[in-house]
Amino acid sequence: MVLIIQIVYLLPVIVLYGIFVFLTVAGAAAAGESEAGAGVVGLLGLCLIPLILIAALVCGFASLAAIMRYLATDSLGEAFKFGEVIATLRSHIGAFLMILVVGILAGLVAGLGVIACGVGVLFTGFYAQCVIGHAIGQAMQRIFPPQQPAYAAPGYYGPPPGYGPPSSY
């Protein structure tokens, strides 16, 4: 389900990247005919790179918010309520920026595994994924606080309603 959510939310990035590849191939084809035409097409392709990066960042955050909504509600339909997903993203942007920073730092630490002849990447990469998962879990607890069931087993919260002494007692 997460793969489906990510594909739907990353469709704008996929389309922009397809346009970039098309312009790059068209520039290479035009290079044989005219250098000026190839330069113009290549410049148009290069202008798409910042747009692709911004779209990837925004769509990546939106897909993460949608995945969180899916995990919190266990409903695929909740993940595709685009307005509510964007509202969640806007109201808790600090939590999503924290996940981004943790992801960047964990990626840097994961890269240190190369020092041990490349074998260490297996361990540091796994550790980085665990750290990122923990950061996402912490953010989910802030964004979607867990609901306490009416009658939780670990602790005693009193008798259920309707039990106990009568109200006139």
Protein backbone atom coordinates (compact mmCIF):
# COMPACT_ATOMS: atom_id res chain seq x y z
CA MET A 1 0.00 0.00 0.00
CA VAL A 2 2.88 2.33 0.78
CA LEU A 3 4.30 1.79 -2.71
CA ILE A 4 0.96 2.74 -4.26
CA ILE A 5 0.76 5.89 -2.12
CA GLN A 6 4.31 6.90 -3.07
CA ILE A 7 3.76 6.33 -6.78
CA VAL A 8 0.60 8.46 -6.79
CA TYR A 9 2.20 11.30 -4.84
CA LEU A 10 5.41 11.24 -6.87
CA LEU A 11 3.67 11.32 -10.28
CA PRO A 12 4.50 15.04 -10.82
CA VAL A 13 8.19 14.29 -10.27
CA ILE A 14 8.03 11.32 -12.63
CA VAL A 15 6.40 13.48 -15.33
CA LEU A 16 8.95 16.29 -14.89
CA TYR A 17 11.80 13.81 -15.04
CA GLY A 18 10.31 12.29 -18.21
CA ILE A 19 10.23 15.74 -19.79
CA PHE A 20 13.86 16.28 -18.73
CA VAL A 21 14.93 12.98 -20.31
CA PHE A 22 13.00 13.79 -23.48
CA LEU A 23 14.67 17.21 -23.76
CA THR A 24 18.08 15.68 -23.12
CA VAL A 25 17.58 13.06 -25.85
CA ALA A 26 16.17 15.70 -28.19
CA GLY A 27 19.22 17.87 -27.51
CA ALA A 28 21.53 14.99 -28.33
CA ALA A 29 19.63 14.32 -31.55
CA ALA A 30 19.69 18.00 -32.49
CA ALA A 31 23.44 18.19 -31.84
CA GLY A 32 24.06 16.38 -35.11
CA GLU A 33 22.04 18.93 -37.07
CA SER A 34 22.72 22.26 -35.35
CA GLU A 35 24.80 23.20 -32.35
CA ALA A 36 22.62 26.19 -31.55
CA GLY A 37 19.46 24.07 -31.47
CA ALA A 38 21.17 21.53 -29.23
CA GLY A 39 22.29 24.30 -26.89
CA VAL A 40 18.78 25.72 -26.56
CA VAL A 41 17.22 22.30 -25.91
CA GLY A 42 20.00 21.45 -23.44
CA LEU A 43 19.51 24.75 -21.61
CA LEU A 44 15.78 24.06 -21.33
CA GLY A 45 16.58 20.66 -19.86
CA LEU A 46 18.96 22.20 -17.32
CA CYS A 47 16.30 24.69 -16.28
CA LEU A 48 14.10 21.76 -15.26
CA ILE A 49 16.59 20.41 -12.70
CA PRO A 50 15.77 22.95 -9.92
CA LEU A 51 12.07 22.47 -10.60
CA ILE A 52 12.48 18.68 -10.32
CA LEU A 53 14.36 19.07 -7.02
CA ILE A 54 11.69 21.34 -5.52
CA ALA A 55 8.88 19.08 -6.75
CA ALA A 56 10.67 16.02 -5.34
CA LEU A 57 11.03 17.67 -1.94
CA VAL A 58 7.40 18.81 -1.77
CA CYS A 59 5.98 15.56 -3.16
CA GLY A 60 8.25 13.52 -0.88
CA PHE A 61 6.95 15.36 2.19
CA ALA A 62 3.37 14.99 0.96
CA SER A 63 3.82 11.26 0.39
CA LEU A 64 5.30 10.87 3.87
CA ALA A 65 2.31 12.72 5.36
CA ALA A 66 -0.05 10.51 3.35
CA ILE A 67 1.73 7.37 4.54
CA MET A 68 1.46 8.60 8.12
CA ARG A 69 -2.28 9.17 7.66
CA TYR A 70 -2.62 5.67 6.23
CA LEU A 71 -0.71 4.15 9.15
CA ALA A 72 -2.68 6.14 11.74
CA THR A 73 -6.10 5.27 10.33
CA ASP A 74 -5.43 1.96 8.51
CA SER A 75 -7.47 3.33 5.61
CA LEU A 76 -6.07 3.79 2.11
CA GLY A 77 -8.76 6.39 1.37
CA GLU A 78 -7.37 8.65 4.11
CA ALA A 79 -4.02 8.73 2.31
CA PHE A 80 -5.62 10.13 -0.82
CA LYS A 81 -7.53 12.99 0.81
CA PHE A 82 -5.10 15.45 -0.71
CA GLY A 83 -6.46 18.53 1.04
CA GLU A 84 -6.20 16.95 4.47
CA VAL A 85 -2.73 15.61 3.71
CA ILE A 86 -1.52 19.08 2.71
CA ALA A 87 -3.19 20.54 5.83
CA THR A 88 -1.34 17.99 7.98
CA LEU A 89 1.90 18.89 6.23
CA ARG A 90 1.37 22.62 6.74
CA SER A 91 0.36 22.39 10.38
CA HIS A 92 3.27 20.14 11.35
CA ILE A 93 6.04 21.33 9.04
CA GLY A 94 8.55 21.33 11.91
CA ALA A 95 8.14 17.59 12.42
CA PHE A 96 8.69 16.92 8.73
CA LEU A 97 11.77 19.18 8.64
CA MET A 98 13.09 17.24 11.67
CA ILE A 99 12.66 14.00 9.69
CA LEU A 100 14.54 15.57 6.77
CA VAL A 101 17.45 16.65 8.99
CA VAL A 102 17.58 13.26 10.71
CA GLY A 103 17.50 11.56 7.30
CA ILE A 104 20.38 13.67 6.02
CA LEU A 105 22.48 13.07 9.15
CA ALA A 106 21.69 9.34 9.15
CA GLY A 107 22.69 9.19 5.48
CA LEU A 108 26.01 10.82 6.29
CA VAL A 109 26.62 8.32 9.08
CA ALA A 110 25.63 5.46 6.77
CA GLY A 111 28.25 6.63 4.31
CA LEU A 112 30.95 6.21 6.95
CA GLY A 113 30.58 2.46 6.59
CA VAL A 114 32.69 2.69 3.42
CA ILE A 115 35.73 3.21 5.65
CA ALA A 116 35.60 -0.47 6.67
CA CYS A 117 36.28 -1.70 3.12
CA GLY A 118 32.63 -1.30 2.16
CA VAL A 119 31.43 -4.05 4.49
CA GLY A 120 30.53 -1.54 7.17
CA VAL A 121 27.87 -0.03 4.91
CA LEU A 122 25.65 -3.01 5.68
CA PHE A 123 25.68 -2.15 9.37
CA THR A 124 25.67 1.64 9.16
CA GLY A 125 23.00 1.61 6.45
CA PHE A 126 20.78 -0.60 8.59
CA TYR A 127 21.39 1.62 11.60
CA ALA A 128 20.55 4.72 9.54
CA GLN A 129 17.24 3.18 8.44
CA CYS A 130 16.41 2.36 12.07
CA VAL A 131 17.17 5.95 13.12
CA ILE A 132 15.00 7.36 10.32
CA GLY A 133 12.17 4.98 11.24
CA HIS A 134 12.41 6.07 14.86
CA ALA A 135 12.26 9.73 13.83
CA ILE A 136 9.15 9.02 11.73
CA GLY A 137 7.58 7.21 14.70
CA GLN A 138 8.32 10.13 17.00
CA ALA A 139 6.77 12.54 14.51
CA MET A 140 3.70 10.32 14.16
CA GLN A 141 3.17 10.40 17.92
CA ARG A 142 3.14 14.21 17.79
CA ILE A 143 0.96 14.48 14.69
CA PHE A 144 -1.45 11.62 15.43
CA PRO A 145 -1.48 11.09 19.20
CA PRO A 146 -2.40 7.51 20.12
CA GLN A 147 -5.97 7.07 21.25
CA GLN A 148 -6.36 5.40 24.63
CA PRO A 149 -8.82 2.53 24.35
CA ALA A 150 -11.81 2.64 26.67
CA TYR A 151 -10.74 -0.48 28.54
CA ALA A 152 -7.00 -0.89 28.26
CA ALA A 153 -5.49 -4.09 29.62
CA PRO A 154 -2.11 -2.88 30.99
CA GLY A 155 -3.53 -0.46 33.53
CA TYR A 156 -6.73 -0.19 35.49
CA TYR A 157 -8.81 2.83 34.58
CA GLY A 158 -11.79 2.13 36.79
CA PRO A 159 -14.92 0.12 36.19
CA PRO A 160 -16.76 0.40 32.90
CA PRO A 161 -19.70 2.79 32.78
CA GLY A 162 -22.87 1.32 34.25
CA TYR A 163 -21.06 -0.68 36.92
CA GLY A 164 -20.51 0.24 40.51
CA PRO A 165 -22.77 1.65 43.11
CA PRO A 166 -26.00 3.32 42.04
CA SER A 167 -25.94 7.08 41.62
CA SER A 168 -28.14 7.52 44.72
CA TYR A 169 -25.65 5.67 46.90
